[in-house]
PDB file of N, CA and C in Angstrom:
ATOM      1  N   MET A   1       0.813  -1.185   0.000  1.00  0.00           N
ATOM      2  CA  MET A   1       0.000   0.000   0.000  1.00  0.00           C
ATOM      3  C   MET A   1       0.867   1.264   0.000  1.00  0.00           C
ATOM      4  N   ARG A   2       1.931   1.241   0.809  1.00  0.00           N
ATOM      5  CA  ARG A   2       2.815   2.407   0.855  1.00  0.00           C
ATOM      6  C   ARG A   2       3.501   2.626  -0.483  1.00  0.00           C
ATOM      7  N   ILE A   3       3.855   1.530  -1.127  1.00  0.00           N
ATOM      8  CA  ILE A   3       4.525   1.633  -2.429  1.00  0.00           C
ATOM      9  C   ILE A   3       3.578   2.254  -3.438  1.00  0.00           C
ATOM     10  N   PHE A   4       2.315   1.875  -3.371  1.00  0.00           N
ATOM     11  CA  PHE A   4       1.321   2.417  -4.304  1.00  0.00           C
ATOM     12  C   PHE A   4       1.138   3.911  -4.094  1.00  0.00           C
ATOM     13  N   THR A   5       1.078   4.380  -2.846  1.00  0.00           N
ATOM     14  CA  THR A   5       0.916   5.817  -2.585  1.00  0.00           C
ATOM     15  C   THR A   5       2.177   6.582  -2.990  1.00  0.00           C
ATOM     16  N   ALA A   6       3.317   5.974  -2.748  1.00  0.00           N
ATOM     17  CA  ALA A   6       4.560   6.640  -3.160  1.00  0.00           C
ATOM     18  C   ALA A   6       4.617   6.744  -4.684  1.00  0.00           C
ATOM     19  N   TYR A   7       4.148   5.695  -5.347  1.00  0.00           N
ATOM     20  CA  TYR A   7       4.106   5.697  -6.813  1.00  0.00           C
ATOM     21  C   TYR A   7       3.153   6.764  -7.323  1.00  0.00           C
ATOM     22  N   LEU A   8       1.982   6.897  -6.719  1.00  0.00           N
ATOM     23  CA  LEU A   8       1.019   7.930  -7.121  1.00  0.00           C
ATOM     24  C   LEU A   8       1.574   9.327  -6.849  1.00  0.00           C
ATOM     25  N   LEU A   9       2.259   9.481  -5.706  1.00  0.00           N
ATOM     26  CA  LEU A   9       2.857  10.778  -5.389  1.00  0.00           C
ATOM     27  C   LEU A   9       3.935  11.138  -6.420  1.00  0.00           C
ATOM     28  N   PHE A  10       4.744  10.165  -6.822  1.00  0.00           N
ATOM     29  CA  PHE A  10       5.781  10.390  -7.830  1.00  0.00           C
ATOM     30  C   PHE A  10       5.177  10.783  -9.172  1.00  0.00           C
ATOM     31  N   ILE A  11       4.113  10.097  -9.566  1.00  0.00           N
ATOM     32  CA  ILE A  11       3.457  10.429 -10.840  1.00  0.00           C
ATOM     33  C   ILE A  11       2.821  11.815 -10.760  1.00  0.00           C
ATOM     34  N   GLY A  12       2.262  12.167  -9.622  1.00  0.00           N
ATOM     35  CA  GLY A  12       1.683  13.500  -9.458  1.00  0.00           C
ATOM     36  C   GLY A  12       2.734  14.584  -9.561  1.00  0.00           C
ATOM     37  N   LEU A  13       3.861  14.394  -8.915  1.00  0.00           N
ATOM     38  CA  LEU A  13       4.948  15.376  -8.998  1.00  0.00           C
ATOM     39  C   LEU A  13       5.499  15.470 -10.414  1.00  0.00           C
ATOM     40  N   LEU A  14       5.573  14.331 -11.075  1.00  0.00           N
ATOM     41  CA  LEU A  14       6.048  14.313 -12.455  1.00  0.00           C
ATOM     42  C   LEU A  14       5.101  15.076 -13.365  1.00  0.00           C
ATOM     43  N   ALA A  15       3.822  14.913 -13.151  1.00  0.00           N
ATOM     44  CA  ALA A  15       2.820  15.604 -13.969  1.00  0.00           C
ATOM     45  C   ALA A  15       2.883  17.105 -13.729  1.00  0.00           C
ATOM     46  N   VAL A  16       3.068  17.503 -12.477  1.00  0.00           N
ATOM     47  CA  VAL A  16       3.155  18.935 -12.172  1.00  0.00           C
ATOM     48  C   VAL A  16       4.451  19.509 -12.753  1.00  0.00           C
ATOM     49  N   GLY A  17       5.537  18.768 -12.624  1.00  0.00           N
ATOM     50  CA  GLY A  17       6.832  19.235 -13.128  1.00  0.00           C
ATOM     51  C   GLY A  17       6.871  19.318 -14.639  1.00  0.00           C
ATOM     52  N   CYS A  18       6.139  18.450 -15.310  1.00  0.00           N
ATOM     53  CA  CYS A  18       6.146  18.433 -16.765  1.00  0.00           C
ATOM     54  C   CYS A  18       4.963  19.181 -17.348  1.00  0.00           C
ATOM     55  N   GLY A  19       4.333  19.986 -16.570  1.00  0.00           N
ATOM     56  CA  GLY A  19       3.168  20.734 -17.052  1.00  0.00           C
ATOM     57  C   GLY A  19       3.565  21.740 -18.109  1.00  0.00           C
ATOM     58  N   LYS A  20       2.574  22.351 -18.697  1.00  0.00           N
ATOM     59  CA  LYS A  20       2.814  23.313 -19.769  1.00  0.00           C
ATOM     60  C   LYS A  20       3.138  24.674 -19.167  1.00  0.00           C
ATOM     61  N   ASP A  21       4.379  24.832 -18.838  1.00  0.00           N
ATOM     62  CA  ASP A  21       4.833  26.104 -18.291  1.00  0.00           C
ATOM     63  C   ASP A  21       5.670  26.786 -19.362  1.00  0.00           C
ATOM     64  N   ASN A  22       5.096  27.770 -20.021  1.00  0.00           N
ATOM     65  CA  ASN A  22       5.765  28.439 -21.139  1.00  0.00           C
ATOM     66  C   ASN A  22       6.996  29.231 -20.683  1.00  0.00           C
ATOM     67  N   ARG A  23       6.937  29.767 -19.474  1.00  0.00           N
ATOM     68  CA  ARG A  23       8.076  30.541 -18.990  1.00  0.00           C
ATOM     69  C   ARG A  23       9.307  29.649 -18.842  1.00  0.00           C
ATOM     70  N   ASN A  24       9.109  28.445 -18.335  1.00  0.00           N
ATOM     71  CA  ASN A  24      10.217  27.517 -18.157  1.00  0.00           C
ATOM     72  C   ASN A  24      10.797  27.101 -19.509  1.00  0.00           C
ATOM     73  N   LYS A  25       9.937  26.834 -20.467  1.00  0.00           N
ATOM     74  CA  LYS A  25      10.392  26.442 -21.805  1.00  0.00           C
ATOM     75  C   LYS A  25      11.145  27.582 -22.479  1.00  0.00           C
ATOM     76  N   LYS A  26      10.659  28.795 -22.295  1.00  0.00           N
ATOM     77  CA  LYS A  26      11.338  29.951 -22.894  1.00  0.00           C
ATOM     78  C   LYS A  26      12.720  30.146 -22.273  1.00  0.00           C
ATOM     79  N   ALA A  27      12.801  29.970 -20.975  1.00  0.00           N
ATOM     80  CA  ALA A  27      14.103  30.119 -20.305  1.00  0.00           C
ATOM     81  C   ALA A  27      15.068  29.036 -20.772  1.00  0.00           C
ATOM     82  N   VAL A  28      14.564  27.809 -20.917  1.00  0.00           N
ATOM     83  CA  VAL A  28      15.410  26.711 -21.379  1.00  0.00           C
ATOM     84  C   VAL A  28      15.876  26.966 -22.802  1.00  0.00           C
ATOM     85  N   ARG A  29      14.964  27.424 -23.648  1.00  0.00           N
ATOM     86  CA  ARG A  29      15.340  27.736 -25.036  1.00  0.00           C
ATOM     87  C   ARG A  29      16.375  28.852 -25.093  1.00  0.00           C
ATOM     88  N   ALA A  30      16.198  29.881 -24.249  1.00  0.00           N
ATOM     89  CA  ALA A  30      17.155  30.994 -24.230  1.00  0.00           C
ATOM     90  C   ALA A  30      18.541  30.505 -23.808  1.00  0.00           C
ATOM     91  N   VAL A  31      18.582  29.646 -22.807  1.00  0.00           N
ATOM     92  CA  VAL A  31      19.870  29.115 -22.349  1.00  0.00           C
ATOM     93  C   VAL A  31      20.496  28.254 -23.445  1.00  0.00           C
ATOM     94  N   ILE A  32      19.671  27.430 -24.095  1.00  0.00           N
ATOM     95  CA  ILE A  32      20.182  26.569 -25.175  1.00  0.00           C
ATOM     96  C   ILE A  32      20.719  27.412 -26.317  1.00  0.00           C
ATOM     97  N   GLU A  33      19.970  28.436 -26.717  1.00  0.00           N
ATOM     98  CA  GLU A  33      20.424  29.305 -27.815  1.00  0.00           C
ATOM     99  C   GLU A  33      21.716  30.028 -27.440  1.00  0.00           C
ATOM    100  N   GLU A  34      21.824  30.464 -26.186  1.00  0.00           N
ATOM    101  CA  GLU A  34      23.026  31.152 -25.733  1.00  0.00           C
ATOM    102  C   GLU A  34      24.236  30.204 -25.796  1.00  0.00           C
ATOM    103  N   LYS A  35      24.059  28.973 -25.326  1.00  0.00           N
ATOM    104  CA  LYS A  35      25.150  27.994 -25.364  1.00  0.00           C
ATOM    105  C   LYS A  35      25.542  27.651 -26.796  1.00  0.00           C
ATOM    106  N   VAL A  36      24.542  27.531 -27.671  1.00  0.00           N
ATOM    107  CA  VAL A  36      24.827  27.239 -29.081  1.00  0.00           C
ATOM    108  C   VAL A  36      25.624  28.385 -29.702  1.00  0.00           C
ATOM    109  N   GLU A  37      25.219  29.617 -29.421  1.00  0.00           N
ATOM    110  CA  GLU A  37      25.946  30.781 -29.956  1.00  0.00           C
ATOM    111  C   GLU A  37      27.387  30.813 -29.435  1.00  0.00           C
ATOM    112  N   GLU A  38      27.573  30.474 -28.164  1.00  0.00           N
ATOM    113  CA  GLU A  38      28.924  30.447 -27.609  1.00  0.00           C
ATOM    114  C   GLU A  38      29.777  29.385 -28.308  1.00  0.00           C
ATOM    115  N   ARG A  39      29.204  28.206 -28.515  1.00  0.00           N
ATOM    116  CA  ARG A  39      29.952  27.133 -29.169  1.00  0.00           C
ATOM    117  C   ARG A  39      30.273  27.476 -30.619  1.00  0.00           C
ATOM    118  N   VAL A  40      29.327  28.110 -31.314  1.00  0.00           N
ATOM    119  CA  VAL A  40      29.565  28.506 -32.705  1.00  0.00           C
ATOM    120  C   VAL A  40      30.679  29.566 -32.749  1.00  0.00           C
ATOM    121  N   ALA A  41      30.632  30.521 -31.824  1.00  0.00           N
ATOM    122  CA  ALA A  41      31.667  31.558 -31.793  1.00  0.00           C
ATOM    123  C   ALA A  41      33.036  30.940 -31.484  1.00  0.00           C
ATOM    124  N   THR A  42      33.063  30.004 -30.557  1.00  0.00           N
ATOM    125  CA  THR A  42      34.318  29.321 -30.229  1.00  0.00           C
ATOM    126  C   THR A  42      34.832  28.538 -31.429  1.00  0.00           C
ATOM    127  N   TYR A  43      33.935  27.844 -32.124  1.00  0.00           N
ATOM    128  CA  TYR A  43      34.321  27.075 -33.315  1.00  0.00           C
ATOM    129  C   TYR A  43      34.892  28.001 -34.389  1.00  0.00           C
ATOM    130  N   ARG A  44      34.217  29.118 -34.626  1.00  0.00           N
ATOM    131  CA  ARG A  44      34.699  30.058 -35.648  1.00  0.00           C
ATOM    132  C   ARG A  44      36.072  30.608 -35.276  1.00  0.00           C
ATOM    133  N   THR A  45      36.249  30.962 -34.012  1.00  0.00           N
ATOM    134  CA  THR A  45      37.540  31.484 -33.562  1.00  0.00           C
ATOM    135  C   THR A  45      38.639  30.440 -33.744  1.00  0.00           C
ATOM    136  N   ASN A  46      38.371  29.210 -33.321  1.00  0.00           N
ATOM    137  CA  ASN A  46      39.362  28.143 -33.474  1.00  0.00           C
ATOM    138  C   ASN A  46      39.674  27.879 -34.943  1.00  0.00           C
ATOM    139  N   ARG A  47      38.641  27.871 -35.765  1.00  0.00           N
ATOM    140  CA  ARG A  47      38.832  27.611 -37.199  1.00  0.00           C
ATOM    141  C   ARG A  47      39.651  28.729 -37.852  1.00  0.00           C
ATOM    142  N   MET A  48      39.369  29.982 -37.495  1.00  0.00           N
ATOM    143  CA  MET A  48      40.122  31.109 -38.056  1.00  0.00           C
ATOM    144  C   MET A  48      41.584  31.054 -37.603  1.00  0.00           C
ATOM    145  N   ASN A  49      41.819  30.707 -36.326  1.00  0.00           N
ATOM    146  CA  ASN A  49      43.200  30.584 -35.833  1.00  0.00           C
ATOM    147  C   ASN A  49      43.939  29.478 -36.570  1.00  0.00           C
ATOM    148  N   ARG A  50      43.272  28.347 -36.802  1.00  0.00           N
ATOM    149  CA  ARG A  50      43.904  27.242 -37.518  1.00  0.00           C
ATOM    150  C   ARG A  50      44.200  27.638 -38.964  1.00  0.00           C
ATOM    151  N   CYS A  51      43.253  28.316 -39.612  1.00  0.00           N
ATOM    152  CA  CYS A  51      43.472  28.766 -40.999  1.00  0.00           C
ATOM    153  C   CYS A  51      44.627  29.768 -41.069  1.00  0.00           C
ATOM    154  N   ARG A  52      44.678  30.683 -40.119  1.00  0.00           N
ATOM    155  CA  ARG A  52      45.750  31.686 -40.092  1.00  0.00           C
ATOM    156  C   ARG A  52      47.101  30.995 -39.889  1.00  0.00           C
ATOM    157  N   LYS A  53      47.161  30.018 -38.982  1.00  0.00           N
ATOM    158  CA  LYS A  53      48.402  29.286 -38.732  1.00  0.00           C
ATOM    159  C   LYS A  53      48.846  28.535 -39.986  1.00  0.00           C
ATOM    160  N   ASP A  54      47.898  27.868 -40.659  1.00  0.00           N
ATOM    161  CA  ASP A  54      48.232  27.141 -41.891  1.00  0.00           C
ATOM    162  C   ASP A  54      48.739  28.090 -42.971  1.00  0.00           C
ATOM    163  N   ALA A  55      48.109  29.260 -43.077  1.00  0.00           N
ATOM    164  CA  ALA A  55      48.529  30.245 -44.081  1.00  0.00           C
ATOM    165  C   ALA A  55      49.948  30.749 -43.774  1.00  0.00           C
ATOM    166  N   TYR A  56      50.250  31.002 -42.492  1.00  0.00           N
ATOM    167  CA  TYR A  56      51.592  31.456 -42.118  1.00  0.00           C
ATOM    168  C   TYR A  56      52.632  30.390 -42.441  1.00  0.00           C
ATOM    169  N   GLU A  57      52.319  29.134 -42.137  1.00  0.00           N
ATOM    170  CA  GLU A  57      53.277  28.060 -42.412  1.00  0.00           C
ATOM    171  C   GLU A  57      53.520  27.905 -43.907  1.00  0.00           C
ATOM    172  N   GLU A  58      52.457  27.989 -44.702  1.00  0.00           N
ATOM    173  CA  GLU A  58      52.613  27.858 -46.152  1.00  0.00           C
ATOM    174  C   GLU A  58      53.410  29.036 -46.720  1.00  0.00           C
ATOM    175  N   ALA A  59      53.111  30.248 -46.234  1.00  0.00           N
ATOM    176  CA  ALA A  59      53.844  31.424 -46.706  1.00  0.00           C
ATOM    177  C   ALA A  59      55.317  31.354 -46.293  1.00  0.00           C
ATOM    178  N   SER A  60      55.569  30.849 -45.102  1.00  0.00           N
ATOM    179  CA  SER A  60      56.950  30.722 -44.644  1.00  0.00           C
ATOM    180  C   SER A  60      57.718  29.717 -45.503  1.00  0.00           C
ATOM    181  N   ALA A  61      57.093  28.599 -45.820  1.00  0.00           N
ATOM    182  CA  ALA A  61      57.751  27.598 -46.673  1.00  0.00           C
ATOM    183  C   ALA A  61      58.014  28.162 -48.065  1.00  0.00           C
ATOM    184  N   LEU A  62      57.056  28.901 -48.591  1.00  0.00           N
ATOM    185  CA  LEU A  62      57.218  29.498 -49.913  1.00  0.00           C
ATOM    186  C   LEU A  62      58.332  30.540 -49.908  1.00  0.00           C
ATOM    187  N   ALA A  63      58.365  31.375 -48.879  1.00  0.00           N
ATOM    188  CA  ALA A  63      59.413  32.394 -48.790  1.00  0.00           C
ATOM    189  C   ALA A  63      60.790  31.745 -48.638  1.00  0.00           C
ATOM    190  N   ASP A  64      60.863  30.680 -47.829  1.00  0.00           N
ATOM    191  CA  ASP A  64      62.144  29.985 -47.666  1.00  0.00           C
ATOM    192  C   ASP A  64      62.629  29.402 -48.990  1.00  0.00           C
ATOM    193  N   SER A  65      61.720  28.798 -49.741  1.00  0.00           N
ATOM    194  CA  SER A  65      62.142  28.210 -51.013  1.00  0.00           C
ATOM    195  C   SER A  65      62.571  29.289 -52.010  1.00  0.00           C
ATOM    196  N   ILE A  66      61.900  30.434 -51.997  1.00  0.00           N
ATOM    197  CA  ILE A  66      62.299  31.538 -52.887  1.00  0.00           C
ATOM    198  C   ILE A  66      63.682  32.044 -52.506  1.00  0.00           C
ATOM    199  N   LEU A  67      63.937  32.219 -51.202  1.00  0.00           N
ATOM    200  CA  LEU A  67      65.242  32.705 -50.761  1.00  0.00           C
ATOM    201  C   LEU A  67      66.351  31.704 -51.084  1.00  0.00           C
ATOM    202  N   LEU A  68      66.072  30.422 -50.907  1.00  0.00           N
ATOM    203  CA  LEU A  68      67.077  29.406 -51.241  1.00  0.00           C
ATOM    204  C   LEU A  68      67.377  29.393 -52.733  1.00  0.00           C
ATOM    205  N   GLU A  69      66.349  29.545 -53.555  1.00  0.00           N
ATOM    206  CA  GLU A  69      66.548  29.560 -55.012  1.00  0.00           C
ATOM    207  C   GLU A  69      67.366  30.783 -55.425  1.00  0.00           C
ATOM    208  N   GLN A  70      67.066  31.943 -54.838  1.00  0.00           N
ATOM    209  CA  GLN A  70      67.847  33.142 -55.149  1.00  0.00           C
ATOM    210  C   GLN A  70      69.300  32.978 -54.727  1.00  0.00           C
ATOM    211  N   ALA A  71      69.525  32.413 -53.572  1.00  0.00           N
ATOM    212  CA  ALA A  71      70.896  32.201 -53.101  1.00  0.00           C
ATOM    213  C   ALA A  71      71.628  31.221 -54.013  1.00  0.00           C
ATOM    214  N   ARG A  72      70.933  30.188 -54.478  1.00  0.00           N
ATOM    215  CA  ARG A  72      71.567  29.215 -55.360  1.00  0.00           C
ATOM    216  C   ARG A  72      71.930  29.846 -56.697  1.00  0.00           C
ATOM    217  N   LEU A  73      71.053  30.713 -57.207  1.00  0.00           N
ATOM    218  CA  LEU A  73      71.313  31.333 -58.503  1.00  0.00           C
ATOM    219  C   LEU A  73      72.395  32.410 -58.449  1.00  0.00           C
ATOM    220  N   THR A  74      72.559  33.061 -57.318  1.00  0.00           N
ATOM    221  CA  THR A  74      73.521  34.157 -57.233  1.00  0.00           C
ATOM    222  C   THR A  74      74.837  33.744 -56.585  1.00  0.00           C
ATOM    223  N   ARG A  75      75.026  32.471 -56.312  1.00  0.00           N
ATOM    224  CA  ARG A  75      76.278  32.081 -55.664  1.00  0.00           C
ATOM    225  C   ARG A  75      77.442  32.171 -56.655  1.00  0.00           C
ATOM    226  N   ASP A  76      78.614  32.270 -56.103  1.00  0.00           N
ATOM    227  CA  ASP A  76      79.827  32.417 -56.902  1.00  0.00           C
ATOM    228  C   ASP A  76      80.121  31.091 -57.597  1.00  0.00           C
ATOM    229  N   THR A  77      80.278  31.137 -58.922  1.00  0.00           N
ATOM    230  CA  THR A  77      80.509  29.908 -59.680  1.00  0.00           C
ATOM    231  C   THR A  77      81.985  29.653 -59.946  1.00  0.00           C
ATOM    232  N   LEU A  78      82.834  30.561 -59.517  1.00  0.00           N
ATOM    233  CA  LEU A  78      84.263  30.346 -59.707  1.00  0.00           C
ATOM    234  C   LEU A  78      84.735  29.247 -58.763  1.00  0.00           C
ATOM    235  N   SER A  79      85.675  28.449 -59.279  1.00  0.00           N
ATOM    236  CA  SER A  79      86.186  27.371 -58.439  1.00  0.00           C
ATOM    237  C   SER A  79      87.288  27.901 -57.528  1.00  0.00           C
ATOM    238  N   LYS A  80      87.651  27.106 -56.563  1.00  0.00           N
ATOM    239  CA  LYS A  80      88.706  27.506 -55.646  1.00  0.00           C
ATOM    240  C   LYS A  80      90.041  27.512 -56.391  1.00  0.00           C
ATOM    241  N   PRO A  81      90.930  28.398 -56.024  1.00  0.00           N
ATOM    242  CA  PRO A  81      92.252  28.377 -56.663  1.00  0.00           C
ATOM    243  C   PRO A  81      93.001  27.122 -56.209  1.00  0.00           C
ATOM    244  N   PRO A  82      93.915  26.652 -57.045  1.00  0.00           N
ATOM    245  CA  PRO A  82      94.652  25.437 -56.660  1.00  0.00           C
ATOM    246  C   PRO A  82      95.583  25.715 -55.484  1.00  0.00           C
ATOM    247  N   LYS A  83      95.929  24.653 -54.776  1.00  0.00           N
ATOM    248  CA  LYS A  83      96.838  24.801 -53.644  1.00  0.00           C
ATOM    249  C   LYS A  83      98.221  25.178 -54.177  1.00  0.00           C
ATOM    250  N   PRO A  84      98.913  26.031 -53.490  1.00  0.00           N
ATOM    251  CA  PRO A  84     100.259  26.390 -53.948  1.00  0.00           C
ATOM    252  C   PRO A  84     101.215  25.206 -53.747  1.00  0.00           C
ATOM    253  N   THR A  85     102.227  25.186 -54.587  1.00  0.00           N
ATOM    254  CA  THR A  85     103.219  24.107 -54.474  1.00  0.00           C
ATOM    255  C   THR A  85     104.162  24.412 -53.323  1.00  0.00           C
ATOM    256  N   LYS A  86     104.688  23.358 -52.748  1.00  0.00           N
ATOM    257  CA  LYS A  86     105.613  23.536 -51.626  1.00  0.00           C
ATOM    258  C   LYS A  86     106.970  23.973 -52.169  1.00  0.00           C
ATOM    259  N   PRO A  87     107.633  24.847 -51.454  1.00  0.00           N
ATOM    260  CA  PRO A  87     108.971  25.247 -51.898  1.00  0.00           C
ATOM    261  C   PRO A  87     109.959  24.108 -51.653  1.00  0.00           C
ATOM    262  N   GLU A  88     111.068  24.156 -52.393  1.00  0.00           N
ATOM    263  CA  GLU A  88     112.089  23.130 -52.220  1.00  0.00           C
ATOM    264  C   GLU A  88     112.761  23.313 -50.875  1.00  0.00           C
ATOM    265  N   ARG A  89     113.254  22.203 -50.348  1.00  0.00           N
ATOM    266  CA  ARG A  89     113.950  22.281 -49.064  1.00  0.00           C
ATOM    267  C   ARG A  89     115.301  22.963 -49.272  1.00  0.00           C
ATOM    268  N   PRO A  90     115.632  23.842 -48.369  1.00  0.00           N
ATOM    269  CA  PRO A  90     116.941  24.500 -48.518  1.00  0.00           C
ATOM    270  C   PRO A  90     118.074  23.532 -48.161  1.00  0.00           C
ATOM    271  N   GLU A  91     119.224  23.821 -48.724  1.00  0.00           N
ATOM    272  CA  GLU A  91     120.400  22.992 -48.458  1.00  0.00           C
ATOM    273  C   GLU A  91     120.907  23.317 -47.063  1.00  0.00           C
ATOM    274  N   LEU A  92     121.225  22.268 -46.295  1.00  0.00           N
ATOM    275  CA  LEU A  92     121.732  22.495 -44.944  1.00  0.00           C
ATOM    276  C   LEU A  92     123.196  22.926 -45.025  1.00  0.00           C
ATOM    277  N   LYS A  93     123.475  23.997 -44.391  1.00  0.00           N
ATOM    278  CA  LYS A  93     124.838  24.513 -44.380  1.00  0.00           C
ATOM    279  C   LYS A  93     125.455  24.212 -43.017  1.00  0.00           C
ATOM    280  N   THR A  94     126.648  23.731 -43.055  1.00  0.00           N
ATOM    281  CA  THR A  94     127.348  23.453 -41.803  1.00  0.00           C
ATOM    282  C   THR A  94     128.333  24.580 -41.534  1.00  0.00           C
ATOM    283  N   LEU A  95     128.417  24.912 -40.289  1.00  0.00           N
ATOM    284  CA  LEU A  95     129.341  25.977 -39.900  1.00  0.00           C
ATOM    285  C   LEU A  95     130.735  25.395 -39.675  1.00  0.00           C
ATOM    286  N   LYS A  96     131.699  26.136 -40.070  1.00  0.00           N
ATOM    287  CA  LYS A  96     133.079  25.706 -39.838  1.00  0.00           C
ATOM    288  C   LYS A  96     133.463  26.167 -38.437  1.00  0.00           C
ATOM    289  N   ASP A  97     133.687  25.211 -37.560  1.00  0.00           N
ATOM    290  CA  ASP A  97     134.018  25.523 -36.176  1.00  0.00           C
ATOM    291  C   ASP A  97     135.451  25.069 -35.905  1.00  0.00           C
ATOM    292  N   SER A  98     136.304  25.963 -35.461  1.00  0.00           N
ATOM    293  CA  SER A  98     137.699  25.633 -35.229  1.00  0.00           C
ATOM    294  C   SER A  98     137.933  25.098 -33.820  1.00  0.00           C
ATOM    295  N   LEU A  99     136.979  25.210 -32.955  1.00  0.00           N
ATOM    296  CA  LEU A  99     137.148  24.745 -31.582  1.00  0.00           C
ATOM    297  C   LEU A  99     136.723  23.297 -31.460  1.00  0.00           C
ATOM    298  N   LYS A 100     137.461  22.603 -30.628  1.00  0.00           N
ATOM    299  CA  LYS A 100     137.108  21.226 -30.371  1.00  0.00           C
ATOM    300  C   LYS A 100     136.161  21.186 -29.191  1.00  0.00           C
ATOM    301  N   VAL A 101     135.353  20.172 -29.171  1.00  0.00           N
ATOM    302  CA  VAL A 101     134.407  20.021 -28.077  1.00  0.00           C
ATOM    303  C   VAL A 101     135.124  19.357 -26.929  1.00  0.00           C
ATOM    304  N   GLY A 102     135.007  19.938 -25.761  1.00  0.00           N
ATOM    305  CA  GLY A 102     135.651  19.398 -24.576  1.00  0.00           C
ATOM    306  C   GLY A 102     134.647  19.187 -23.462  1.00  0.00           C
ATOM    307  N   PRO A 103     135.119  18.545 -22.398  1.00  0.00           N
ATOM    308  CA  PRO A 103     134.188  18.321 -21.298  1.00  0.00           C
ATOM    309  C   PRO A 103     133.831  19.634 -20.599  1.00  0.00           C
ATOM    310  N   ILE A 104     132.613  19.668 -20.061  1.00  0.00           N
ATOM    311  CA  ILE A 104     132.154  20.890 -19.386  1.00  0.00           C
ATOM    312  C   ILE A 104     132.776  20.960 -17.996  1.00  0.00           C
ATOM    313  N   LEU A 105     132.805  19.858 -17.301  1.00  0.00           N
ATOM    314  CA  LEU A 105     133.402  19.821 -15.967  1.00  0.00           C
ATOM    315  C   LEU A 105     134.720  19.049 -16.036  1.00  0.00           C
ATOM    316  N   ARG A 106     135.703  19.539 -15.349  1.00  0.00           N
ATOM    317  CA  ARG A 106     136.988  18.851 -15.321  1.00  0.00           C
ATOM    318  C   ARG A 106     137.056  17.977 -14.081  1.00  0.00           C
ATOM    319  N   ARG A 107     137.743  16.868 -14.198  1.00  0.00           N
ATOM    320  CA  ARG A 107     137.890  15.947 -13.073  1.00  0.00           C
ATOM    321  C   ARG A 107     138.938  16.430 -12.045  1.00  0.00           C
ATOM    322  N   ASP A 108     139.885  17.074 -12.470  1.00  0.00           N
ATOM    323  CA  ASP A 108     140.969  17.470 -11.574  1.00  0.00           C
ATOM    324  C   ASP A 108     140.565  18.655 -10.681  1.00  0.00           C
ATOM    325  N   SER A 109     139.392  19.220 -10.823  1.00  0.00           N
ATOM    326  CA  SER A 109     138.986  20.321  -9.974  1.00  0.00           C
ATOM    327  C   SER A 109     138.301  19.850  -8.704  1.00  0.00           C
ATOM    328  N   GLN A 110     138.308  18.566  -8.435  1.00  0.00           N
ATOM    329  CA  GLN A 110     137.645  18.019  -7.242  1.00  0.00           C
ATOM    330  C   GLN A 110     138.411  18.243  -6.010  1.00  0.00           C
TER     331      GLN A 110
END
């Protein structure tokens, strides 16, 4: 019996809660429309940022390739000069020394 009354009370509350209240529906619609507008604005902002980023990357790649092509076309085409040849070794000259080599320290000075 208690379950039956609780069930009837639940159905009664459900009927009252789901009644035709235009103010509640209008408020819900306004909130839904506001959220939809926010999401659309966020989507547009994100999409524009992504498009701008893609455009910058493409322009940067194009500019880099143009600069590389210009550098390749204007580089110096002359080859390096050859290495110079080594000079001949000079002739070793010996000095004429009239002195004989002797010991630095003498034994008899002990």
